[in-house]
C-alpha atoms as a PDB file:
ATOM      1  CA  MET A   1    -249.948  26.913-132.173  1.00  0.00           C
ATOM      2  CA  VAL A   2    -249.068  29.965-134.589  1.00  0.00           C
ATOM      3  CA  GLU A   3    -250.650  31.958-137.176  1.00  0.00           C
ATOM      4  CA  GLY A   4    -247.595  33.955-138.697  1.00  0.00           C
ATOM      5  CA  PRO A   5    -247.595  37.551-139.754  1.00  0.00           C
ATOM      6  CA  HIS A   6    -248.457  38.175-143.478  1.00  0.00           C
ATOM      7  CA  PHE A   7    -246.910  41.153-145.122  1.00  0.00           C
ATOM      8  CA  LYS A   8    -248.296  42.621-148.518  1.00  0.00           C
ATOM      9  CA  ASP A   9    -246.239  44.864-150.480  1.00  0.00           C
ATOM     10  CA  GLY A  10    -243.689  44.975-147.694  1.00  0.00           C
ATOM     11  CA  LYS A  11    -246.239  46.074-144.973  1.00  0.00           C
ATOM     12  CA  LEU A  12    -247.884  44.227-142.437  1.00  0.00           C
ATOM     13  CA  GLU A  13    -251.398  43.061-143.399  1.00  0.00           C
ATOM     14  CA  LYS A  14    -252.132  40.600-140.293  1.00  0.00           C
ATOM     15  CA  PRO A  15    -249.969  40.339-137.023  1.00  0.00           C
ATOM     16  CA  LEU A  16    -248.595  37.056-135.723  1.00  0.00           C
ATOM     17  CA  TYR A  17    -251.143  35.007-133.013  1.00  0.00           C
ATOM     18  CA  VAL A  18    -249.567  32.429-130.722  1.00  0.00           C
ATOM     19  CA  THR A  19    -251.711  29.761-128.607  1.00  0.00           C
ATOM     20  CA  VAL A  20    -249.437  28.109-125.814  1.00  0.00           C
ATOM     21  CA  LEU A  21    -249.972  25.006-124.110  1.00  0.00           C
ATOM     22  CA  HIS A  22    -247.296  24.783-121.434  1.00  0.00           C
ATOM     23  CA  ASN A  23    -247.014  21.124-119.859  1.00  0.00           C
ATOM     24  CA  GLY A  24    -250.681  20.728-121.080  1.00  0.00           C
ATOM     25  CA  VAL A  25    -252.189  23.714-119.756  1.00  0.00           C
ATOM     26  CA  LEU A  26    -253.353  26.499-121.880  1.00  0.00           C
ATOM     27  CA  THR A  27    -251.565  29.921-120.721  1.00  0.00           C
ATOM     28  CA  GLN A  28    -251.894  31.772-123.772  1.00  0.00           C
ATOM     29  CA  ASN A  29    -255.159  31.923-126.037  1.00  0.00           C
ATOM     30  CA  HIS A  30    -254.809  33.563-129.661  1.00  0.00           C
ATOM     31  CA  ILE A  31    -252.433  36.534-128.668  1.00  0.00           C
ATOM     32  CA  ALA A  32    -251.027  38.753-130.806  1.00  0.00           C
ATOM     33  CA  LEU A  33    -247.749  39.544-130.474  1.00  0.00           C
ATOM     34  CA  ILE A  34    -246.152  42.665-131.679  1.00  0.00           C
ATOM     35  CA  GLY A  35    -242.929  41.666-134.006  1.00  0.00           C
ATOM     36  CA  GLU A  36    -239.963  40.277-132.104  1.00  0.00           C
ATOM     37  CA  THR A  37    -239.913  39.739-128.362  1.00  0.00           C
ATOM     38  CA  PRO A  38    -236.759  41.632-127.709  1.00  0.00           C
ATOM     39  CA  HIS A  39    -235.713  42.125-123.935  1.00  0.00           C
ATOM     40  CA  LYS A  40    -236.793  45.618-122.410  1.00  0.00           C
ATOM     41  CA  GLN A  41    -237.751  46.891-126.015  1.00  0.00           C
ATOM     42  CA  VAL A  42    -241.035  47.061-127.977  1.00  0.00           C
ATOM     43  CA  GLY A  43    -240.990  44.415-130.824  1.00  0.00           C
ATOM     44  CA  ARG A  44    -241.033  45.542-134.197  1.00  0.00           C
ATOM     45  CA  TYR A  45    -242.080  43.516-137.342  1.00  0.00           C
ATOM     46  CA  HIS A  46    -239.587  42.633-140.202  1.00  0.00           C
ATOM     47  CA  VAL A  47    -240.720  41.439-144.034  1.00  0.00           C
ATOM     48  CA  HIS A  48    -239.719  37.663-143.728  1.00  0.00           C
ATOM     49  CA  PRO A  49    -240.583  34.496-145.626  1.00  0.00           C
ATOM     50  CA  GLU A  50    -243.352  32.205-144.533  1.00  0.00           C
ATOM     51  CA  LYS A  51    -241.194  29.696-143.147  1.00  0.00           C
ATOM     52  CA  ALA A  52    -237.914  30.466-141.134  1.00  0.00           C
ATOM     53  CA  PRO A  53    -235.687  28.829-138.279  1.00  0.00           C
ATOM     54  CA  ILE A  54    -236.420  28.658-134.492  1.00  0.00           C
ATOM     55  CA  LYS A  55    -234.218  30.182-132.443  1.00  0.00           C
ATOM     56  CA  LEU A  56    -234.101  29.186-128.605  1.00  0.00           C
ATOM     57  CA  GLN A  57    -232.465  31.665-126.088  1.00  0.00           C
ATOM     58  CA  ASP A  58    -229.696  30.465-123.548  1.00  0.00           C
ATOM     59  CA  HIS A  59    -228.686  33.638-121.853  1.00  0.00           C
ATOM     60  CA  HIS A  60    -225.343  32.362-122.049  1.00  0.00           C
ATOM     61  CA  ASN A  61    -226.260  29.705-119.171  1.00  0.00           C
ATOM     62  CA  PRO A  62    -225.889  26.088-119.936  1.00  0.00           C
ATOM     63  CA  ASP A  63    -229.350  24.844-120.879  1.00  0.00           C
ATOM     64  CA  ARG A  64    -230.716  21.594-122.359  1.00  0.00           C
ATOM     65  CA  TYR A  65    -233.470  21.111-124.080  1.00  0.00           C
ATOM     66  CA  ARG A  66    -235.468  18.014-124.724  1.00  0.00           C
ATOM     67  CA  PHE A  67    -238.801  16.888-126.126  1.00  0.00           C
ATOM     68  CA  ILE A  68    -239.469  19.901-127.984  1.00  0.00           C
ATOM     69  CA  TRP A  69    -242.243  18.993-130.735  1.00  0.00           C
ATOM     70  CA  ILE A  70    -242.910  21.194-133.417  1.00  0.00           C
ATOM     71  CA  ARG A  71    -245.268  20.049-135.906  1.00  0.00           C
ATOM     72  CA  GLU A  72    -247.327  22.159-138.665  1.00  0.00           C
ATOM     73  CA  LEU A  73    -251.000  22.405-137.881  1.00  0.00           C
ATOM     74  CA  HIS A  74    -253.741  22.725-140.580  1.00  0.00           C
ATOM     75  CA  LEU A  75    -255.810  25.606-139.600  1.00  0.00           C
ATOM     76  CA  PRO A  76    -259.644  25.058-140.760  1.00  0.00           C
ATOM     77  CA  GLY A  77    -260.845  26.977-143.068  1.00  0.00           C
ATOM     78  CA  PRO A  78    -264.147  27.487-145.091  1.00  0.00           C
ATOM     79  CA  GLU A  79    -263.642  24.464-147.230  1.00  0.00           C
ATOM     80  CA  ASP A  80    -263.686  22.307-143.898  1.00  0.00           C
ATOM     81  CA  LEU A  81    -267.117  23.412-142.486  1.00  0.00           C
ATOM     82  CA  GLY A  82    -269.021  20.805-144.111  1.00  0.00           C
ATOM     83  CA  THR A  83    -272.285  20.882-145.693  1.00  0.00           C
ATOM     84  CA  GLY A  84    -274.383  19.547-142.960  1.00  0.00           C
ATOM     85  CA  PRO A  85    -277.086  21.880-140.965  1.00  0.00           C
ATOM     86  CA  ALA A  86    -275.784  24.710-138.519  1.00  0.00           C
ATOM     87  CA  ILE A  87    -275.655  24.195-134.869  1.00  0.00           C
ATOM     88  CA  GLY A  88    -279.055  24.445-133.638  1.00  0.00           C
ATOM     89  CA  GLU A  89    -280.862  23.661-137.079  1.00  0.00           C
ATOM     90  CA  GLU A  90    -282.809  20.647-138.351  1.00  0.00           C
ATOM     91  CA  ALA A  91    -281.712  18.835-140.938  1.00  0.00           C
ATOM     92  CA  LYS A  92    -284.047  18.888-143.847  1.00  0.00           C
END
């Protein structure tokens, strides 16, 4: 799951956060990334649209990718909390 970065007036307002499941095992949980992920360099953010293509690295080796599933997820917001009692409170 990815929460993309947010830019305002050409400046970073909120960094990118990523959660990674690898073969069903949680390996990264809500980790902030520092922009791109270049080799042996510190990443930087560049202003970009909200949605962009996904790039897969191959390092000039013959790689095959199978079963890569990408789906858009709806992150719950305040409107999804409902109107029921808070946890630990009794309904009135």
